[in-house]
Amino acid sequence: MAAAPSGSCANSWKCCASSQRWKVHIRTATIYPAAINTELLNTITDPATSAGMHALYEAHGISPERIANVVAFAIEQPADTNVTEFTVGPTTQPW
């Protein structure tokens, strides 16, 4: 096995080299959600901010089930396929 490169990527290289040797295949995905209607919205304590965010999410928020659908899609891919990024948001978002 070749020497690991120096610097910040050394640990990643070792992990990758180790997983290749042991035939370990790890799939990961990053999900970037936008306006998702969750209970987190109810934790905003500033009244003006809370009112503004509730109005925004009422107009543009989508259900958490949409994120669950994305997670299910990523998991259901064949073992040799990895979809690494998802950006999920409402089609009506003004930003």
PDB file of N, CA and C in Angstrom:
ATOM      1  N   MET A   1       0.842  -1.173   0.000  1.00  0.00           N
ATOM      2  CA  MET A   1       0.000   0.000   0.000  1.00  0.00           C
ATOM      3  C   MET A   1       0.887   1.236   0.000  1.00  0.00           C
ATOM      4  N   ALA A   2       0.535   2.242  -0.744  1.00  0.00           N
ATOM      5  CA  ALA A   2       1.309   3.470  -0.835  1.00  0.00           C
ATOM      6  C   ALA A   2       1.175   4.268   0.453  1.00  0.00           C
ATOM      7  N   ALA A   3       2.118   5.145   0.679  1.00  0.00           N
ATOM      8  CA  ALA A   3       2.079   5.991   1.874  1.00  0.00           C
ATOM      9  C   ALA A   3       0.939   6.983   1.760  1.00  0.00           C
ATOM     10  N   ALA A   4       0.326   7.263   2.899  1.00  0.00           N
ATOM     11  CA  ALA A   4      -0.767   8.238   2.928  1.00  0.00           C
ATOM     12  C   ALA A   4      -0.224   9.628   2.685  1.00  0.00           C
ATOM     13  N   PRO A   5      -0.947  10.448   1.958  1.00  0.00           N
ATOM     14  CA  PRO A   5      -0.495  11.816   1.741  1.00  0.00           C
ATOM     15  C   PRO A   5      -0.528  12.594   3.046  1.00  0.00           C
ATOM     16  N   SER A   6       0.297  13.623   3.152  1.00  0.00           N
ATOM     17  CA  SER A   6       0.293  14.442   4.360  1.00  0.00           C
ATOM     18  C   SER A   6      -0.786  15.497   4.243  1.00  0.00           C
ATOM     19  N   GLY A   7      -1.081  16.123   5.377  1.00  0.00           N
ATOM     20  CA  GLY A   7      -2.062  17.198   5.373  1.00  0.00           C
ATOM     21  C   GLY A   7      -3.425  16.735   5.835  1.00  0.00           C
ATOM     22  N   SER A   8      -4.417  17.584   5.602  1.00  0.00           N
ATOM     23  CA  SER A   8      -5.746  17.345   6.149  1.00  0.00           C
ATOM     24  C   SER A   8      -6.451  16.149   5.527  1.00  0.00           C
ATOM     25  N   CYS A   9      -6.052  15.722   4.356  1.00  0.00           N
ATOM     26  CA  CYS A   9      -6.736  14.603   3.714  1.00  0.00           C
ATOM     27  C   CYS A   9      -6.169  13.252   4.135  1.00  0.00           C
ATOM     28  N   ALA A  10      -5.128  13.248   4.964  1.00  0.00           N
ATOM     29  CA  ALA A  10      -4.484  11.987   5.336  1.00  0.00           C
ATOM     30  C   ALA A  10      -5.454  11.029   6.006  1.00  0.00           C
ATOM     31  N   ASN A  11      -6.252  11.521   6.955  1.00  0.00           N
ATOM     32  CA  ASN A  11      -7.200  10.643   7.638  1.00  0.00           C
ATOM     33  C   ASN A  11      -8.260  10.111   6.685  1.00  0.00           C
ATOM     34  N   SER A  12      -8.748  10.945   5.806  1.00  0.00           N
ATOM     35  CA  SER A  12      -9.734  10.494   4.825  1.00  0.00           C
ATOM     36  C   SER A  12      -9.126   9.437   3.913  1.00  0.00           C
ATOM     37  N   TRP A  13      -7.890   9.638   3.520  1.00  0.00           N
ATOM     38  CA  TRP A  13      -7.219   8.682   2.646  1.00  0.00           C
ATOM     39  C   TRP A  13      -7.078   7.342   3.351  1.00  0.00           C
ATOM     40  N   LYS A  14      -6.676   7.361   4.624  1.00  0.00           N
ATOM     41  CA  LYS A  14      -6.527   6.112   5.380  1.00  0.00           C
ATOM     42  C   LYS A  14      -7.856   5.387   5.491  1.00  0.00           C
ATOM     43  N   CYS A  15      -8.916   6.144   5.779  1.00  0.00           N
ATOM     44  CA  CYS A  15     -10.246   5.542   5.891  1.00  0.00           C
ATOM     45  C   CYS A  15     -10.661   4.933   4.560  1.00  0.00           C
ATOM     46  N   CYS A  16     -10.445   5.659   3.491  1.00  0.00           N
ATOM     47  CA  CYS A  16     -10.812   5.170   2.164  1.00  0.00           C
ATOM     48  C   CYS A  16      -9.999   3.935   1.806  1.00  0.00           C
ATOM     49  N   ALA A  17      -8.683   3.973   2.070  1.00  0.00           N
ATOM     50  CA  ALA A  17      -7.834   2.831   1.757  1.00  0.00           C
ATOM     51  C   ALA A  17      -8.247   1.624   2.579  1.00  0.00           C
ATOM     52  N   SER A  18      -8.591   1.847   3.831  1.00  0.00           N
ATOM     53  CA  SER A  18      -9.009   0.750   4.700  1.00  0.00           C
ATOM     54  C   SER A  18     -10.318   0.143   4.208  1.00  0.00           C
ATOM     55  N   SER A  19     -11.268   0.969   3.815  1.00  0.00           N
ATOM     56  CA  SER A  19     -12.554   0.446   3.354  1.00  0.00           C
ATOM     57  C   SER A  19     -12.400  -0.314   2.049  1.00  0.00           C
ATOM     58  N   GLN A  20     -11.452   0.086   1.198  1.00  0.00           N
ATOM     59  CA  GLN A  20     -11.216  -0.650  -0.048  1.00  0.00           C
ATOM     60  C   GLN A  20     -10.612  -2.018   0.248  1.00  0.00           C
ATOM     61  N   ARG A  21      -9.731  -2.049   1.209  1.00  0.00           N
ATOM     62  CA  ARG A  21      -9.096  -3.316   1.551  1.00  0.00           C
ATOM     63  C   ARG A  21     -10.120  -4.295   2.114  1.00  0.00           C
ATOM     64  N   TRP A  22     -11.041  -3.800   2.915  1.00  0.00           N
ATOM     65  CA  TRP A  22     -12.034  -4.674   3.551  1.00  0.00           C
ATOM     66  C   TRP A  22     -13.327  -4.746   2.746  1.00  0.00           C
ATOM     67  N   LYS A  23     -13.389  -4.122   1.592  1.00  0.00           N
ATOM     68  CA  LYS A  23     -14.561  -4.142   0.716  1.00  0.00           C
ATOM     69  C   LYS A  23     -15.804  -3.557   1.395  1.00  0.00           C
ATOM     70  N   VAL A  24     -15.600  -2.516   2.179  1.00  0.00           N
ATOM     71  CA  VAL A  24     -16.696  -1.827   2.849  1.00  0.00           C
ATOM     72  C   VAL A  24     -17.154  -0.693   1.936  1.00  0.00           C
ATOM     73  N   HIS A  25     -18.417  -0.634   1.670  1.00  0.00           N
ATOM     74  CA  HIS A  25     -18.979   0.423   0.829  1.00  0.00           C
ATOM     75  C   HIS A  25     -19.958   1.224   1.669  1.00  0.00           C
ATOM     76  N   ILE A  26     -19.626   2.456   1.902  1.00  0.00           N
ATOM     77  CA  ILE A  26     -20.462   3.330   2.717  1.00  0.00           C
ATOM     78  C   ILE A  26     -21.074   4.384   1.805  1.00  0.00           C
ATOM     79  N   ARG A  27     -22.385   4.489   1.864  1.00  0.00           N
ATOM     80  CA  ARG A  27     -23.082   5.503   1.081  1.00  0.00           C
ATOM     81  C   ARG A  27     -23.530   6.609   2.024  1.00  0.00           C
ATOM     82  N   THR A  28     -23.350   7.840   1.600  1.00  0.00           N
ATOM     83  CA  THR A  28     -23.792   8.983   2.387  1.00  0.00           C
ATOM     84  C   THR A  28     -24.544   9.952   1.489  1.00  0.00           C
ATOM     85  N   ALA A  29     -25.382  10.744   2.102  1.00  0.00           N
ATOM     86  CA  ALA A  29     -26.102  11.777   1.361  1.00  0.00           C
ATOM     87  C   ALA A  29     -26.264  12.994   2.261  1.00  0.00           C
ATOM     88  N   THR A  30     -26.172  14.158   1.671  1.00  0.00           N
ATOM     89  CA  THR A  30     -26.412  15.405   2.380  1.00  0.00           C
ATOM     90  C   THR A  30     -27.731  15.959   1.879  1.00  0.00           C
ATOM     91  N   ILE A  31     -28.587  16.351   2.820  1.00  0.00           N
ATOM     92  CA  ILE A  31     -29.891  16.913   2.464  1.00  0.00           C
ATOM     93  C   ILE A  31     -29.917  18.364   2.920  1.00  0.00           C
ATOM     94  N   TYR A  32     -30.219  19.248   1.988  1.00  0.00           N
ATOM     95  CA  TYR A  32     -30.334  20.662   2.276  1.00  0.00           C
ATOM     96  C   TYR A  32     -31.820  21.035   2.230  1.00  0.00           C
ATOM     97  N   PRO A  33     -32.500  21.021   3.380  1.00  0.00           N
ATOM     98  CA  PRO A  33     -33.923  21.349   3.375  1.00  0.00           C
ATOM     99  C   PRO A  33     -34.146  22.856   3.458  1.00  0.00           C
ATOM    100  N   ALA A  34     -35.191  23.312   2.826  1.00  0.00           N
ATOM    101  CA  ALA A  34     -35.578  24.726   2.917  1.00  0.00           C
ATOM    102  C   ALA A  34     -36.689  24.850   3.955  1.00  0.00           C
ATOM    103  N   ALA A  35     -37.817  25.359   3.575  1.00  0.00           N
ATOM    104  CA  ALA A  35     -38.921  25.613   4.503  1.00  0.00           C
ATOM    105  C   ALA A  35     -39.717  24.329   4.734  1.00  0.00           C
ATOM    106  N   ILE A  36     -39.343  23.590   5.777  1.00  0.00           N
ATOM    107  CA  ILE A  36     -40.010  22.336   6.112  1.00  0.00           C
ATOM    108  C   ILE A  36     -40.817  22.555   7.388  1.00  0.00           C
ATOM    109  N   ASN A  37     -42.094  22.259   7.339  1.00  0.00           N
ATOM    110  CA  ASN A  37     -42.967  22.456   8.495  1.00  0.00           C
ATOM    111  C   ASN A  37     -42.679  21.416   9.577  1.00  0.00           C
ATOM    112  N   THR A  38     -41.925  21.832  10.585  1.00  0.00           N
ATOM    113  CA  THR A  38     -41.623  20.965  11.725  1.00  0.00           C
ATOM    114  C   THR A  38     -41.899  21.722  13.011  1.00  0.00           C
ATOM    115  N   GLU A  39     -41.792  21.015  14.140  1.00  0.00           N
ATOM    116  CA  GLU A  39     -42.029  21.641  15.443  1.00  0.00           C
ATOM    117  C   GLU A  39     -40.960  22.673  15.791  1.00  0.00           C
ATOM    118  N   LEU A  40     -39.857  22.689  15.091  1.00  0.00           N
ATOM    119  CA  LEU A  40     -38.802  23.660  15.348  1.00  0.00           C
ATOM    120  C   LEU A  40     -39.318  25.087  15.196  1.00  0.00           C
ATOM    121  N   LEU A  41     -40.262  25.281  14.310  1.00  0.00           N
ATOM    122  CA  LEU A  41     -40.847  26.600  14.087  1.00  0.00           C
ATOM    123  C   LEU A  41     -41.483  27.138  15.363  1.00  0.00           C
ATOM    124  N   ASN A  42     -41.993  26.253  16.213  1.00  0.00           N
ATOM    125  CA  ASN A  42     -42.667  26.676  17.451  1.00  0.00           C
ATOM    126  C   ASN A  42     -41.697  27.025  18.574  1.00  0.00           C
ATOM    127  N   THR A  43     -40.402  26.917  18.339  1.00  0.00           N
ATOM    128  CA  THR A  43     -39.420  27.241  19.375  1.00  0.00           C
ATOM    129  C   THR A  43     -38.912  28.671  19.276  1.00  0.00           C
ATOM    130  N   ILE A  44     -39.376  29.436  18.300  1.00  0.00           N
ATOM    131  CA  ILE A  44     -38.941  30.827  18.145  1.00  0.00           C
ATOM    132  C   ILE A  44     -39.618  31.664  19.227  1.00  0.00           C
ATOM    133  N   THR A  45     -38.808  32.319  20.064  1.00  0.00           N
ATOM    134  CA  THR A  45     -39.356  33.039  21.218  1.00  0.00           C
ATOM    135  C   THR A  45     -39.665  34.503  20.943  1.00  0.00           C
ATOM    136  N   ASP A  46     -39.014  35.122  19.998  1.00  0.00           N
ATOM    137  CA  ASP A  46     -39.296  36.523  19.685  1.00  0.00           C
ATOM    138  C   ASP A  46     -40.632  36.601  18.949  1.00  0.00           C
ATOM    139  N   PRO A  47     -41.609  37.343  19.485  1.00  0.00           N
ATOM    140  CA  PRO A  47     -42.951  37.380  18.876  1.00  0.00           C
ATOM    141  C   PRO A  47     -42.969  37.859  17.416  1.00  0.00           C
ATOM    142  N   ALA A  48     -42.215  38.881  17.108  1.00  0.00           N
ATOM    143  CA  ALA A  48     -42.222  39.399  15.735  1.00  0.00           C
ATOM    144  C   ALA A  48     -41.595  38.388  14.772  1.00  0.00           C
ATOM    145  N   THR A  49     -40.487  37.816  15.165  1.00  0.00           N
ATOM    146  CA  THR A  49     -39.827  36.813  14.333  1.00  0.00           C
ATOM    147  C   THR A  49     -40.713  35.590  14.168  1.00  0.00           C
ATOM    148  N   SER A  50     -41.331  35.170  15.257  1.00  0.00           N
ATOM    149  CA  SER A  50     -42.222  34.008  15.212  1.00  0.00           C
ATOM    150  C   SER A  50     -43.384  34.246  14.250  1.00  0.00           C
ATOM    151  N   ALA A  51     -43.995  35.412  14.334  1.00  0.00           N
ATOM    152  CA  ALA A  51     -45.121  35.737  13.442  1.00  0.00           C
ATOM    153  C   ALA A  51     -44.676  35.739  11.987  1.00  0.00           C
ATOM    154  N   GLY A  52     -43.513  36.331  11.726  1.00  0.00           N
ATOM    155  CA  GLY A  52     -43.003  36.373  10.355  1.00  0.00           C
ATOM    156  C   GLY A  52     -42.685  34.993   9.806  1.00  0.00           C
ATOM    157  N   MET A  53     -42.042  34.177  10.633  1.00  0.00           N
ATOM    158  CA  MET A  53     -41.695  32.830  10.184  1.00  0.00           C
ATOM    159  C   MET A  53     -42.942  31.965   9.997  1.00  0.00           C
ATOM    160  N   HIS A  54     -43.914  32.093  10.892  1.00  0.00           N
ATOM    161  CA  HIS A  54     -45.149  31.328  10.726  1.00  0.00           C
ATOM    162  C   HIS A  54     -45.857  31.716   9.426  1.00  0.00           C
ATOM    163  N   ALA A  55     -45.871  33.012   9.112  1.00  0.00           N
ATOM    164  CA  ALA A  55     -46.501  33.463   7.859  1.00  0.00           C
ATOM    165  C   ALA A  55     -45.752  32.900   6.649  1.00  0.00           C
ATOM    166  N   LEU A  56     -44.423  32.940   6.714  1.00  0.00           N
ATOM    167  CA  LEU A  56     -43.613  32.407   5.615  1.00  0.00           C
ATOM    168  C   LEU A  56     -43.861  30.915   5.424  1.00  0.00           C
ATOM    169  N   TYR A  57     -43.842  30.168   6.519  1.00  0.00           N
ATOM    170  CA  TYR A  57     -44.014  28.716   6.423  1.00  0.00           C
ATOM    171  C   TYR A  57     -45.452  28.350   6.047  1.00  0.00           C
ATOM    172  N   GLU A  58     -46.410  29.155   6.463  1.00  0.00           N
ATOM    173  CA  GLU A  58     -47.797  28.892   6.065  1.00  0.00           C
ATOM    174  C   GLU A  58     -47.957  29.051   4.553  1.00  0.00           C
ATOM    175  N   ALA A  59     -47.255  30.008   3.992  1.00  0.00           N
ATOM    176  CA  ALA A  59     -47.338  30.255   2.550  1.00  0.00           C
ATOM    177  C   ALA A  59     -46.477  29.299   1.732  1.00  0.00           C
ATOM    178  N   HIS A  60     -45.312  28.899   2.271  1.00  0.00           N
ATOM    179  CA  HIS A  60     -44.345  28.175   1.450  1.00  0.00           C
ATOM    180  C   HIS A  60     -43.838  26.869   2.042  1.00  0.00           C
ATOM    181  N   GLY A  61     -44.164  26.570   3.272  1.00  0.00           N
ATOM    182  CA  GLY A  61     -43.622  25.376   3.916  1.00  0.00           C
ATOM    183  C   GLY A  61     -44.152  24.083   3.304  1.00  0.00           C
ATOM    184  N   ILE A  62     -43.312  23.060   3.315  1.00  0.00           N
ATOM    185  CA  ILE A  62     -43.735  21.751   2.840  1.00  0.00           C
ATOM    186  C   ILE A  62     -43.635  20.751   3.992  1.00  0.00           C
ATOM    187  N   SER A  63     -44.273  19.634   3.831  1.00  0.00           N
ATOM    188  CA  SER A  63     -44.368  18.662   4.914  1.00  0.00           C
ATOM    189  C   SER A  63     -43.060  17.904   5.130  1.00  0.00           C
ATOM    190  N   PRO A  64     -42.810  17.468   6.367  1.00  0.00           N
ATOM    191  CA  PRO A  64     -41.622  16.657   6.645  1.00  0.00           C
ATOM    192  C   PRO A  64     -41.614  15.342   5.862  1.00  0.00           C
ATOM    193  N   GLU A  65     -42.770  14.899   5.436  1.00  0.00           N
ATOM    194  CA  GLU A  65     -42.837  13.666   4.637  1.00  0.00           C
ATOM    195  C   GLU A  65     -42.053  13.793   3.340  1.00  0.00           C
ATOM    196  N   ARG A  66     -41.905  15.023   2.834  1.00  0.00           N
ATOM    197  CA  ARG A  66     -41.118  15.226   1.613  1.00  0.00           C
ATOM    198  C   ARG A  66     -39.653  14.856   1.862  1.00  0.00           C
ATOM    199  N   ILE A  67     -39.155  15.202   3.037  1.00  0.00           N
ATOM    200  CA  ILE A  67     -37.778  14.842   3.388  1.00  0.00           C
ATOM    201  C   ILE A  67     -37.676  13.333   3.565  1.00  0.00           C
ATOM    202  N   ALA A  68     -38.681  12.749   4.193  1.00  0.00           N
ATOM    203  CA  ALA A  68     -38.695  11.287   4.351  1.00  0.00           C
ATOM    204  C   ALA A  68     -38.677  10.602   2.991  1.00  0.00           C
ATOM    205  N   ASN A  69     -39.385  11.150   2.013  1.00  0.00           N
ATOM    206  CA  ASN A  69     -39.379  10.580   0.658  1.00  0.00           C
ATOM    207  C   ASN A  69     -37.982  10.636   0.044  1.00  0.00           C
ATOM    208  N   VAL A  70     -37.261  11.728   0.288  1.00  0.00           N
ATOM    209  CA  VAL A  70     -35.905  11.865  -0.244  1.00  0.00           C
ATOM    210  C   VAL A  70     -34.981  10.842   0.406  1.00  0.00           C
ATOM    211  N   VAL A  71     -35.093  10.683   1.724  1.00  0.00           N
ATOM    212  CA  VAL A  71     -34.275   9.694   2.431  1.00  0.00           C
ATOM    213  C   VAL A  71     -34.570   8.296   1.893  1.00  0.00           C
ATOM    214  N   ALA A  72     -35.851   7.989   1.715  1.00  0.00           N
ATOM    215  CA  ALA A  72     -36.223   6.671   1.178  1.00  0.00           C
ATOM    216  C   ALA A  72     -35.645   6.474  -0.219  1.00  0.00           C
ATOM    217  N   PHE A  73     -35.694   7.510  -1.045  1.00  0.00           N
ATOM    218  CA  PHE A  73     -35.127   7.419  -2.393  1.00  0.00           C
ATOM    219  C   PHE A  73     -33.639   7.089  -2.326  1.00  0.00           C
ATOM    220  N   ALA A  74     -32.909   7.780  -1.465  1.00  0.00           N
ATOM    221  CA  ALA A  74     -31.468   7.545  -1.345  1.00  0.00           C
ATOM    222  C   ALA A  74     -31.178   6.120  -0.887  1.00  0.00           C
ATOM    223  N   ILE A  75     -31.939   5.634   0.069  1.00  0.00           N
ATOM    224  CA  ILE A  75     -31.729   4.286   0.601  1.00  0.00           C
ATOM    225  C   ILE A  75     -32.070   3.219  -0.425  1.00  0.00           C
ATOM    226  N   GLU A  76     -33.083   3.465  -1.241  1.00  0.00           N
ATOM    227  CA  GLU A  76     -33.567   2.461  -2.181  1.00  0.00           C
ATOM    228  C   GLU A  76     -32.690   2.304  -3.427  1.00  0.00           C
ATOM    229  N   GLN A  77     -31.650   3.116  -3.564  1.00  0.00           N
ATOM    230  CA  GLN A  77     -30.779   2.989  -4.729  1.00  0.00           C
ATOM    231  C   GLN A  77     -29.984   1.687  -4.651  1.00  0.00           C
ATOM    232  N   PRO A  78     -29.606   1.144  -5.797  1.00  0.00           N
ATOM    233  CA  PRO A  78     -28.796  -0.080  -5.794  1.00  0.00           C
ATOM    234  C   PRO A  78     -27.501   0.132  -5.006  1.00  0.00           C
ATOM    235  N   ALA A  79     -26.933  -0.949  -4.509  1.00  0.00           N
ATOM    236  CA  ALA A  79     -25.741  -0.882  -3.669  1.00  0.00           C
ATOM    237  C   ALA A  79     -24.563  -0.202  -4.363  1.00  0.00           C
ATOM    238  N   ASP A  80     -24.538  -0.215  -5.689  1.00  0.00           N
ATOM    239  CA  ASP A  80     -23.417   0.402  -6.400  1.00  0.00           C
ATOM    240  C   ASP A  80     -23.683   1.858  -6.771  1.00  0.00           C
ATOM    241  N   THR A  81     -24.739   2.449  -6.212  1.00  0.00           N
ATOM    242  CA  THR A  81     -25.131   3.813  -6.564  1.00  0.00           C
ATOM    243  C   THR A  81     -25.222   4.671  -5.309  1.00  0.00           C
ATOM    244  N   ASN A  82     -24.657   5.864  -5.377  1.00  0.00           N
ATOM    245  CA  ASN A  82     -24.737   6.807  -4.276  1.00  0.00           C
ATOM    246  C   ASN A  82     -25.141   8.162  -4.828  1.00  0.00           C
ATOM    247  N   VAL A  83     -26.236   8.699  -4.330  1.00  0.00           N
ATOM    248  CA  VAL A  83     -26.646  10.058  -4.661  1.00  0.00           C
ATOM    249  C   VAL A  83     -26.206  10.904  -3.478  1.00  0.00           C
ATOM    250  N   THR A  84     -25.314  11.841  -3.698  1.00  0.00           N
ATOM    251  CA  THR A  84     -24.646  12.498  -2.581  1.00  0.00           C
ATOM    252  C   THR A  84     -25.319  13.748  -2.055  1.00  0.00           C
ATOM    253  N   GLU A  85     -26.108  14.451  -2.855  1.00  0.00           N
ATOM    254  CA  GLU A  85     -26.706  15.702  -2.380  1.00  0.00           C
ATOM    255  C   GLU A  85     -28.141  15.866  -2.865  1.00  0.00           C
ATOM    256  N   PHE A  86     -28.948  16.428  -1.965  1.00  0.00           N
ATOM    257  CA  PHE A  86     -30.328  16.761  -2.286  1.00  0.00           C
ATOM    258  C   PHE A  86     -30.603  18.164  -1.748  1.00  0.00           C
ATOM    259  N   THR A  87     -31.157  19.024  -2.561  1.00  0.00           N
ATOM    260  CA  THR A  87     -31.661  20.313  -2.107  1.00  0.00           C
ATOM    261  C   THR A  87     -33.176  20.236  -2.237  1.00  0.00           C
ATOM    262  N   VAL A  88     -33.871  20.373  -1.098  1.00  0.00           N
ATOM    263  CA  VAL A  88     -35.317  20.165  -1.068  1.00  0.00           C
ATOM    264  C   VAL A  88     -35.997  21.436  -0.589  1.00  0.00           C
ATOM    265  N   GLY A  89     -36.940  21.909  -1.363  1.00  0.00           N
ATOM    266  CA  GLY A  89     -37.673  23.113  -0.973  1.00  0.00           C
ATOM    267  C   GLY A  89     -38.972  23.203  -1.728  1.00  0.00           C
ATOM    268  N   PRO A  90     -39.807  24.122  -1.315  1.00  0.00           N
ATOM    269  CA  PRO A  90     -41.093  24.308  -1.982  1.00  0.00           C
ATOM    270  C   PRO A  90     -40.918  24.952  -3.360  1.00  0.00           C
ATOM    271  N   THR A  91     -41.774  24.574  -4.285  1.00  0.00           N
ATOM    272  CA  THR A  91     -41.698  25.165  -5.620  1.00  0.00           C
ATOM    273  C   THR A  91     -42.138  26.627  -5.618  1.00  0.00           C
ATOM    274  N   THR A  92     -42.827  27.047  -4.563  1.00  0.00           N
ATOM    275  CA  THR A  92     -43.312  28.421  -4.496  1.00  0.00           C
ATOM    276  C   THR A  92     -42.374  29.360  -3.742  1.00  0.00           C
ATOM    277  N   GLN A  93     -41.208  28.892  -3.358  1.00  0.00           N
ATOM    278  CA  GLN A  93     -40.354  29.732  -2.513  1.00  0.00           C
ATOM    279  C   GLN A  93     -39.910  30.996  -3.256  1.00  0.00           C
ATOM    280  N   PRO A  94     -39.977  32.131  -2.568  1.00  0.00           N
ATOM    281  CA  PRO A  94     -39.615  33.397  -3.211  1.00  0.00           C
ATOM    282  C   PRO A  94     -38.121  33.713  -3.154  1.00  0.00           C
ATOM    283  N   TRP A  95     -37.322  32.913  -2.520  1.00  0.00           N
ATOM    284  CA  TRP A  95     -35.889  33.211  -2.356  1.00  0.00           C
ATOM    285  C   TRP A  95     -35.033  32.421  -3.305  1.00  0.00           C
TER     286      TRP A  95
END
